[in-house]
Amino acid sequence: MVYLWVKSFHVLFVIAWMATVFYLPRILVNLAEAGDEPAVKARLLLMGRRLYKFGHNMFGIAFLFGLVLWQGWRLFPAKLPNVVAGMHWIDAKLTLVALLLIYFVWAGRMVKRCEKGGALPSSKALRWLNELPVLLLLGVIFLVLAKPF
């Protein structure tokens, strides 16, 4: 029962983090298209800053619950199973999660760059880059469900 609660909380906070991973680049697209509208830009920058901070918090909590799922059996062998014993799908999953984290940090730095007056890539380029986390998340989901190796 403990395992299912830990897993449920992990999934909850991953969903919250992924919402920020998907939405932060949309804010960047809107910033790139805002033109010379200072009020719009200011509002979008505020939203971006807040969303980035929220995303960091959600990632941190998801990471902690994920760590318990991955290594918790060492501390609580009667309550938590070893879910990856000898399996290497977890290595591929963690690699994809690391790429998602890099993408999220990149998007946050773009918001900060824009705040300081720096240029953003074109809205078209940002729209294309916005699709990348969908593919990475699909890989994560497949690996978790199929555990192919």
N, C-alpha and C. Protein backbone atom coordinates (compact mmCIF):
# COMPACT_ATOMS: atom_id res chain seq x y z
N MET A 1 0.81 -1.19 0.00
CA MET A 1 0.00 0.00 0.00
C MET A 1 0.87 1.27 0.00
N VAL A 2 1.97 1.25 0.75
CA VAL A 2 2.88 2.39 0.77
C VAL A 2 3.42 2.65 -0.63
N TYR A 3 3.79 1.58 -1.33
CA TYR A 3 4.31 1.70 -2.68
C TYR A 3 3.32 2.43 -3.59
N LEU A 4 2.05 2.07 -3.51
CA LEU A 4 1.05 2.70 -4.38
C LEU A 4 0.84 4.17 -4.04
N TRP A 5 0.92 4.54 -2.75
CA TRP A 5 0.81 5.94 -2.37
C TRP A 5 2.01 6.74 -2.90
N VAL A 6 3.20 6.19 -2.72
CA VAL A 6 4.41 6.88 -3.20
C VAL A 6 4.35 7.03 -4.72
N LYS A 7 3.95 5.98 -5.41
CA LYS A 7 3.84 6.03 -6.87
C LYS A 7 2.78 7.04 -7.31
N SER A 8 1.66 7.09 -6.61
CA SER A 8 0.59 8.04 -6.93
C SER A 8 1.08 9.48 -6.77
N PHE A 9 1.79 9.76 -5.68
CA PHE A 9 2.31 11.11 -5.49
C PHE A 9 3.37 11.45 -6.54
N HIS A 10 4.20 10.48 -6.89
CA HIS A 10 5.20 10.71 -7.93
C HIS A 10 4.51 11.10 -9.24
N VAL A 11 3.51 10.34 -9.64
CA VAL A 11 2.80 10.62 -10.88
C VAL A 11 2.11 11.99 -10.82
N LEU A 12 1.50 12.32 -9.70
CA LEU A 12 0.84 13.61 -9.53
C LEU A 12 1.81 14.77 -9.76
N PHE A 13 2.97 14.71 -9.12
CA PHE A 13 3.92 15.81 -9.25
C PHE A 13 4.62 15.81 -10.60
N VAL A 14 4.76 14.65 -11.22
CA VAL A 14 5.28 14.61 -12.59
C VAL A 14 4.30 15.31 -13.53
N ILE A 15 3.01 15.04 -13.37
CA ILE A 15 2.00 15.69 -14.21
C ILE A 15 2.05 17.20 -14.02
N ALA A 16 2.17 17.65 -12.80
CA ALA A 16 2.25 19.10 -12.53
C ALA A 16 3.49 19.69 -13.18
N TRP A 17 4.62 18.98 -13.09
CA TRP A 17 5.85 19.49 -13.71
C TRP A 17 5.71 19.51 -15.23
N MET A 18 5.15 18.45 -15.79
CA MET A 18 5.01 18.39 -17.25
C MET A 18 4.10 19.50 -17.76
N ALA A 19 3.11 19.88 -16.97
CA ALA A 19 2.27 21.02 -17.37
C ALA A 19 3.13 22.26 -17.56
N THR A 20 4.09 22.46 -16.67
CA THR A 20 4.97 23.63 -16.80
C THR A 20 5.92 23.46 -17.97
N VAL A 21 6.37 22.24 -18.21
CA VAL A 21 7.27 21.98 -19.34
C VAL A 21 6.55 22.28 -20.67
N PHE A 22 5.27 21.98 -20.73
CA PHE A 22 4.51 22.25 -21.95
C PHE A 22 4.11 23.73 -22.08
N TYR A 23 3.80 24.38 -20.97
CA TYR A 23 3.25 25.73 -21.04
C TYR A 23 4.31 26.83 -21.11
N LEU A 24 5.45 26.63 -20.48
CA LEU A 24 6.49 27.67 -20.49
C LEU A 24 6.92 28.04 -21.91
N PRO A 25 7.13 27.07 -22.81
CA PRO A 25 7.47 27.44 -24.19
C PRO A 25 6.34 28.20 -24.91
N ARG A 26 5.09 27.93 -24.54
CA ARG A 26 3.98 28.69 -25.13
C ARG A 26 4.06 30.16 -24.71
N ILE A 27 4.47 30.39 -23.48
CA ILE A 27 4.68 31.77 -23.03
C ILE A 27 5.79 32.41 -23.86
N LEU A 28 6.84 31.65 -24.17
CA LEU A 28 7.91 32.18 -25.01
C LEU A 28 7.40 32.54 -26.40
N VAL A 29 6.55 31.70 -26.98
CA VAL A 29 5.97 32.00 -28.29
C VAL A 29 5.19 33.31 -28.21
N ASN A 30 4.38 33.45 -27.18
CA ASN A 30 3.60 34.69 -27.02
C ASN A 30 4.50 35.90 -26.82
N LEU A 31 5.59 35.72 -26.07
CA LEU A 31 6.54 36.83 -25.89
C LEU A 31 7.17 37.22 -27.23
N ALA A 32 7.52 36.23 -28.04
CA ALA A 32 8.13 36.51 -29.34
C ALA A 32 7.16 37.23 -30.27
N GLU A 33 5.87 36.98 -30.07
CA GLU A 33 4.85 37.60 -30.93
C GLU A 33 4.26 38.87 -30.33
N ALA A 34 4.67 39.25 -29.13
CA ALA A 34 4.08 40.40 -28.44
C ALA A 34 4.47 41.73 -29.08
N GLY A 35 5.54 41.75 -29.84
CA GLY A 35 5.95 42.99 -30.49
C GLY A 35 6.35 44.05 -29.49
N ASP A 36 5.86 45.26 -29.72
CA ASP A 36 6.21 46.39 -28.85
C ASP A 36 5.09 46.73 -27.88
N GLU A 37 4.49 45.73 -27.30
CA GLU A 37 3.43 45.94 -26.32
C GLU A 37 3.98 45.68 -24.92
N PRO A 38 4.48 46.72 -24.23
CA PRO A 38 5.15 46.52 -22.94
C PRO A 38 4.26 45.91 -21.86
N ALA A 39 2.98 46.24 -21.84
CA ALA A 39 2.10 45.68 -20.82
C ALA A 39 1.92 44.18 -21.03
N VAL A 40 1.78 43.78 -22.28
CA VAL A 40 1.63 42.35 -22.59
C VAL A 40 2.90 41.61 -22.23
N LYS A 41 4.03 42.17 -22.63
CA LYS A 41 5.32 41.53 -22.32
C LYS A 41 5.53 41.41 -20.82
N ALA A 42 5.22 42.47 -20.09
CA ALA A 42 5.40 42.44 -18.63
C ALA A 42 4.55 41.35 -18.01
N ARG A 43 3.33 41.23 -18.46
CA ARG A 43 2.43 40.20 -17.92
C ARG A 43 2.95 38.80 -18.26
N LEU A 44 3.38 38.60 -19.49
CA LEU A 44 3.90 37.29 -19.90
C LEU A 44 5.18 36.94 -19.14
N LEU A 45 6.04 37.93 -18.92
CA LEU A 45 7.27 37.69 -18.17
C LEU A 45 6.96 37.31 -16.73
N LEU A 46 5.99 37.98 -16.14
CA LEU A 46 5.57 37.63 -14.78
C LEU A 46 5.04 36.19 -14.74
N MET A 47 4.19 35.86 -15.69
CA MET A 47 3.66 34.49 -15.77
C MET A 47 4.80 33.48 -15.94
N GLY A 48 5.75 33.80 -16.83
CA GLY A 48 6.87 32.90 -17.09
C GLY A 48 7.72 32.67 -15.86
N ARG A 49 8.03 33.76 -15.14
CA ARG A 49 8.83 33.64 -13.91
C ARG A 49 8.13 32.76 -12.88
N ARG A 50 6.85 33.03 -12.67
CA ARG A 50 6.09 32.27 -11.67
C ARG A 50 5.97 30.80 -12.07
N LEU A 51 5.70 30.58 -13.35
CA LEU A 51 5.56 29.20 -13.82
C LEU A 51 6.88 28.45 -13.70
N TYR A 52 7.98 29.11 -14.01
CA TYR A 52 9.30 28.48 -13.91
C TYR A 52 9.59 28.09 -12.46
N LYS A 53 9.30 28.96 -11.54
CA LYS A 53 9.51 28.65 -10.11
C LYS A 53 8.62 27.49 -9.68
N PHE A 54 7.35 27.54 -10.06
CA PHE A 54 6.43 26.46 -9.74
C PHE A 54 6.94 25.13 -10.32
N GLY A 55 7.40 25.17 -11.55
CA GLY A 55 7.93 23.97 -12.19
C GLY A 55 9.13 23.39 -11.46
N HIS A 56 10.01 24.26 -11.00
CA HIS A 56 11.15 23.78 -10.22
C HIS A 56 10.68 23.06 -8.96
N ASN A 57 9.70 23.63 -8.29
CA ASN A 57 9.19 22.99 -7.08
C ASN A 57 8.55 21.64 -7.39
N MET A 58 7.75 21.59 -8.45
CA MET A 58 7.09 20.34 -8.82
C MET A 58 8.11 19.27 -9.21
N PHE A 59 9.15 19.69 -9.96
CA PHE A 59 10.19 18.73 -10.33
C PHE A 59 10.89 18.19 -9.09
N GLY A 60 11.21 19.07 -8.16
CA GLY A 60 11.91 18.63 -6.95
C GLY A 60 11.11 17.61 -6.16
N ILE A 61 9.81 17.85 -6.01
CA ILE A 61 8.98 16.91 -5.26
C ILE A 61 8.83 15.60 -6.04
N ALA A 62 8.61 15.70 -7.35
CA ALA A 62 8.51 14.49 -8.18
C ALA A 62 9.80 13.69 -8.11
N PHE A 63 10.93 14.40 -8.13
CA PHE A 63 12.24 13.74 -8.04
C PHE A 63 12.38 12.96 -6.73
N LEU A 64 11.98 13.58 -5.64
CA LEU A 64 12.09 12.90 -4.33
C LEU A 64 11.23 11.64 -4.28
N PHE A 65 9.99 11.73 -4.75
CA PHE A 65 9.15 10.54 -4.77
C PHE A 65 9.69 9.49 -5.74
N GLY A 66 10.24 9.93 -6.85
CA GLY A 66 10.86 9.00 -7.79
C GLY A 66 12.08 8.30 -7.20
N LEU A 67 12.85 9.05 -6.45
CA LEU A 67 14.01 8.48 -5.78
C LEU A 67 13.60 7.41 -4.77
N VAL A 68 12.51 7.68 -4.06
CA VAL A 68 12.00 6.68 -3.11
C VAL A 68 11.54 5.43 -3.86
N LEU A 69 10.88 5.63 -4.99
CA LEU A 69 10.44 4.46 -5.78
C LEU A 69 11.63 3.65 -6.29
N TRP A 70 12.67 4.35 -6.70
CA TRP A 70 13.83 3.71 -7.31
C TRP A 70 14.72 3.04 -6.27
N GLN A 71 15.00 3.73 -5.17
CA GLN A 71 15.95 3.22 -4.20
C GLN A 71 15.37 2.97 -2.81
N GLY A 72 14.09 3.24 -2.63
CA GLY A 72 13.47 3.12 -1.31
C GLY A 72 13.49 1.71 -0.74
N TRP A 73 13.55 0.72 -1.61
CA TRP A 73 13.58 -0.66 -1.14
C TRP A 73 14.81 -0.94 -0.28
N ARG A 74 15.85 -0.16 -0.46
CA ARG A 74 17.06 -0.35 0.35
C ARG A 74 16.81 0.02 1.82
N LEU A 75 15.97 1.05 2.04
CA LEU A 75 15.68 1.50 3.40
C LEU A 75 14.45 0.80 3.99
N PHE A 76 13.49 0.51 3.15
CA PHE A 76 12.23 -0.08 3.62
C PHE A 76 11.88 -1.32 2.80
N PRO A 77 12.68 -2.39 2.91
CA PRO A 77 12.46 -3.56 2.05
C PRO A 77 11.11 -4.24 2.27
N ALA A 78 10.53 -4.09 3.44
CA ALA A 78 9.23 -4.72 3.69
C ALA A 78 8.08 -3.92 3.08
N LYS A 79 8.30 -2.64 2.82
CA LYS A 79 7.23 -1.76 2.32
C LYS A 79 7.36 -1.41 0.84
N LEU A 80 8.59 -1.33 0.35
CA LEU A 80 8.80 -0.90 -1.03
C LEU A 80 9.57 -1.97 -1.81
N PRO A 81 9.04 -2.38 -2.96
CA PRO A 81 9.73 -3.40 -3.76
C PRO A 81 10.88 -2.80 -4.57
N ASN A 82 11.78 -3.66 -4.99
CA ASN A 82 12.84 -3.26 -5.91
C ASN A 82 12.24 -3.36 -7.31
N VAL A 83 11.79 -2.24 -7.85
CA VAL A 83 11.04 -2.25 -9.10
C VAL A 83 11.91 -2.29 -10.35
N VAL A 84 13.22 -2.15 -10.20
CA VAL A 84 14.09 -2.13 -11.37
C VAL A 84 15.24 -3.14 -11.27
N ALA A 85 15.10 -4.14 -10.45
CA ALA A 85 16.18 -5.10 -10.23
C ALA A 85 16.71 -5.66 -11.55
N GLY A 86 17.95 -5.31 -11.86
CA GLY A 86 18.62 -5.85 -13.04
C GLY A 86 18.07 -5.35 -14.37
N MET A 87 17.14 -4.41 -14.35
CA MET A 87 16.55 -3.92 -15.58
C MET A 87 17.20 -2.58 -15.96
N HIS A 88 17.29 -2.34 -17.26
CA HIS A 88 17.97 -1.13 -17.70
C HIS A 88 17.05 -0.12 -18.37
N TRP A 89 15.75 -0.39 -18.40
CA TRP A 89 14.83 0.61 -18.94
C TRP A 89 14.89 1.89 -18.12
N ILE A 90 15.17 1.75 -16.82
CA ILE A 90 15.22 2.91 -15.95
C ILE A 90 16.34 3.87 -16.36
N ASP A 91 17.45 3.31 -16.88
CA ASP A 91 18.55 4.16 -17.34
C ASP A 91 18.11 5.02 -18.52
N ALA A 92 17.40 4.41 -19.45
CA ALA A 92 16.90 5.15 -20.61
C ALA A 92 15.86 6.18 -20.17
N LYS A 93 14.98 5.79 -19.24
CA LYS A 93 13.96 6.71 -18.75
C LYS A 93 14.61 7.92 -18.08
N LEU A 94 15.58 7.67 -17.22
CA LEU A 94 16.23 8.78 -16.52
C LEU A 94 16.99 9.69 -17.49
N THR A 95 17.51 9.12 -18.57
CA THR A 95 18.17 9.92 -19.60
C THR A 95 17.17 10.86 -20.26
N LEU A 96 15.99 10.33 -20.59
CA LEU A 96 14.96 11.17 -21.20
C LEU A 96 14.46 12.24 -20.22
N VAL A 97 14.33 11.87 -18.95
CA VAL A 97 13.92 12.85 -17.94
C VAL A 97 14.98 13.95 -17.82
N ALA A 98 16.25 13.56 -17.87
CA ALA A 98 17.33 14.56 -17.82
C ALA A 98 17.23 15.51 -19.02
N LEU A 99 16.91 14.98 -20.19
CA LEU A 99 16.74 15.83 -21.38
C LEU A 99 15.54 16.77 -21.20
N LEU A 100 14.46 16.27 -20.61
CA LEU A 100 13.31 17.13 -20.33
C LEU A 100 13.69 18.24 -19.35
N LEU A 101 14.48 17.90 -18.35
CA LEU A 101 14.92 18.91 -17.38
C LEU A 101 15.81 19.95 -18.06
N ILE A 102 16.70 19.52 -18.92
CA ILE A 102 17.55 20.46 -19.66
C ILE A 102 16.69 21.39 -20.50
N TYR A 103 15.69 20.83 -21.17
CA TYR A 103 14.76 21.63 -21.98
C TYR A 103 14.03 22.66 -21.12
N PHE A 104 13.55 22.22 -19.95
CA PHE A 104 12.84 23.11 -19.03
C PHE A 104 13.74 24.25 -18.56
N VAL A 105 14.97 23.93 -18.20
CA VAL A 105 15.92 24.97 -17.75
C VAL A 105 16.21 25.92 -18.90
N TRP A 106 16.38 25.39 -20.11
CA TRP A 106 16.61 26.24 -21.29
C TRP A 106 15.45 27.22 -21.47
N ALA A 107 14.21 26.73 -21.37
CA ALA A 107 13.04 27.59 -21.53
C ALA A 107 13.03 28.68 -20.44
N GLY A 108 13.37 28.29 -19.22
CA GLY A 108 13.43 29.27 -18.13
C GLY A 108 14.49 30.33 -18.37
N ARG A 109 15.62 29.91 -18.92
CA ARG A 109 16.68 30.88 -19.22
C ARG A 109 16.28 31.81 -20.36
N MET A 110 15.47 31.29 -21.29
CA MET A 110 14.95 32.15 -22.36
C MET A 110 14.05 33.24 -21.77
N VAL A 111 13.24 32.88 -20.79
CA VAL A 111 12.38 33.87 -20.13
C VAL A 111 13.27 34.92 -19.46
N LYS A 112 14.28 34.46 -18.75
CA LYS A 112 15.18 35.40 -18.06
C LYS A 112 15.93 36.28 -19.06
N ARG A 113 16.34 35.71 -20.18
CA ARG A 113 17.04 36.49 -21.22
C ARG A 113 16.11 37.57 -21.76
N CYS A 114 14.88 37.20 -22.03
CA CYS A 114 13.91 38.16 -22.55
C CYS A 114 13.67 39.28 -21.53
N GLU A 115 13.64 38.93 -20.27
CA GLU A 115 13.44 39.90 -19.20
C GLU A 115 14.56 40.96 -19.18
N LYS A 116 15.75 40.52 -19.55
CA LYS A 116 16.90 41.43 -19.57
C LYS A 116 17.05 42.16 -20.90
N GLY A 117 16.06 41.96 -21.78
CA GLY A 117 16.09 42.65 -23.07
C GLY A 117 16.72 41.86 -24.19
N GLY A 118 17.09 40.62 -23.93
CA GLY A 118 17.69 39.79 -24.96
C GLY A 118 16.67 39.31 -25.97
N ALA A 119 17.17 38.92 -27.11
CA ALA A 119 16.30 38.46 -28.19
C ALA A 119 15.93 36.99 -27.99
N LEU A 120 14.76 36.66 -28.48
CA LEU A 120 14.30 35.28 -28.49
C LEU A 120 14.40 34.73 -29.90
N PRO A 121 14.45 33.41 -30.04
CA PRO A 121 14.32 32.84 -31.39
C PRO A 121 12.96 33.24 -31.98
N SER A 122 12.79 33.02 -33.26
CA SER A 122 11.52 33.38 -33.90
C SER A 122 10.38 32.56 -33.30
N SER A 123 9.17 33.09 -33.42
CA SER A 123 8.02 32.35 -32.89
C SER A 123 7.84 31.02 -33.61
N LYS A 124 8.21 30.97 -34.88
CA LYS A 124 8.11 29.72 -35.65
C LYS A 124 9.09 28.68 -35.08
N ALA A 125 10.31 29.10 -34.81
CA ALA A 125 11.30 28.18 -34.22
C ALA A 125 10.85 27.72 -32.84
N LEU A 126 10.30 28.64 -32.05
CA LEU A 126 9.81 28.29 -30.72
C LEU A 126 8.64 27.32 -30.79
N ARG A 127 7.78 27.48 -31.79
CA ARG A 127 6.66 26.54 -31.97
C ARG A 127 7.18 25.13 -32.26
N TRP A 128 8.21 25.04 -33.10
CA TRP A 128 8.79 23.72 -33.38
C TRP A 128 9.45 23.13 -32.14
N LEU A 129 10.18 23.96 -31.42
CA LEU A 129 10.83 23.48 -30.20
C LEU A 129 9.81 23.07 -29.14
N ASN A 130 8.62 23.62 -29.21
CA ASN A 130 7.56 23.30 -28.28
C ASN A 130 7.09 21.85 -28.41
N GLU A 131 7.36 21.24 -29.55
CA GLU A 131 6.94 19.85 -29.78
C GLU A 131 7.91 18.83 -29.19
N LEU A 132 9.13 19.22 -28.94
CA LEU A 132 10.15 18.29 -28.44
C LEU A 132 9.76 17.57 -27.15
N PRO A 133 9.23 18.26 -26.13
CA PRO A 133 8.91 17.53 -24.90
C PRO A 133 7.81 16.48 -25.07
N VAL A 134 6.95 16.66 -26.05
CA VAL A 134 5.91 15.64 -26.30
C VAL A 134 6.57 14.32 -26.70
N LEU A 135 7.55 14.41 -27.58
CA LEU A 135 8.24 13.20 -28.03
C LEU A 135 9.04 12.56 -26.89
N LEU A 136 9.71 13.39 -26.10
CA LEU A 136 10.47 12.86 -24.97
C LEU A 136 9.56 12.20 -23.95
N LEU A 137 8.42 12.84 -23.66
CA LEU A 137 7.47 12.26 -22.71
C LEU A 137 6.89 10.95 -23.24
N LEU A 138 6.63 10.88 -24.53
CA LEU A 138 6.15 9.62 -25.11
C LEU A 138 7.16 8.51 -24.87
N GLY A 139 8.44 8.82 -25.03
CA GLY A 139 9.49 7.83 -24.76
C GLY A 139 9.49 7.39 -23.30
N VAL A 140 9.34 8.34 -22.39
CA VAL A 140 9.29 8.02 -20.96
C VAL A 140 8.12 7.10 -20.66
N ILE A 141 6.94 7.46 -21.18
CA ILE A 141 5.74 6.66 -20.92
C ILE A 141 5.92 5.25 -21.47
N PHE A 142 6.43 5.13 -22.69
CA PHE A 142 6.64 3.81 -23.28
C PHE A 142 7.59 2.97 -22.42
N LEU A 143 8.68 3.57 -22.01
CA LEU A 143 9.66 2.82 -21.21
C LEU A 143 9.07 2.36 -19.88
N VAL A 144 8.30 3.21 -19.24
CA VAL A 144 7.70 2.85 -17.95
C VAL A 144 6.67 1.74 -18.11
N LEU A 145 5.87 1.81 -19.16
CA LEU A 145 4.83 0.81 -19.35
C LEU A 145 5.36 -0.50 -19.91
N ALA A 146 6.23 -0.42 -20.91
CA ALA A 146 6.70 -1.64 -21.59
C ALA A 146 7.89 -2.30 -20.89
N LYS A 147 8.72 -1.50 -20.21
CA LYS A 147 9.95 -2.02 -19.61
C LYS A 147 10.65 -2.99 -20.57
N PRO A 148 11.04 -2.46 -21.76
CA PRO A 148 11.51 -3.35 -22.84
C PRO A 148 12.87 -4.01 -22.60
N PHE A 149 13.65 -3.53 -21.67
CA PHE A 149 14.97 -4.14 -21.42
C PHE A 149 15.39 -3.92 -20.00
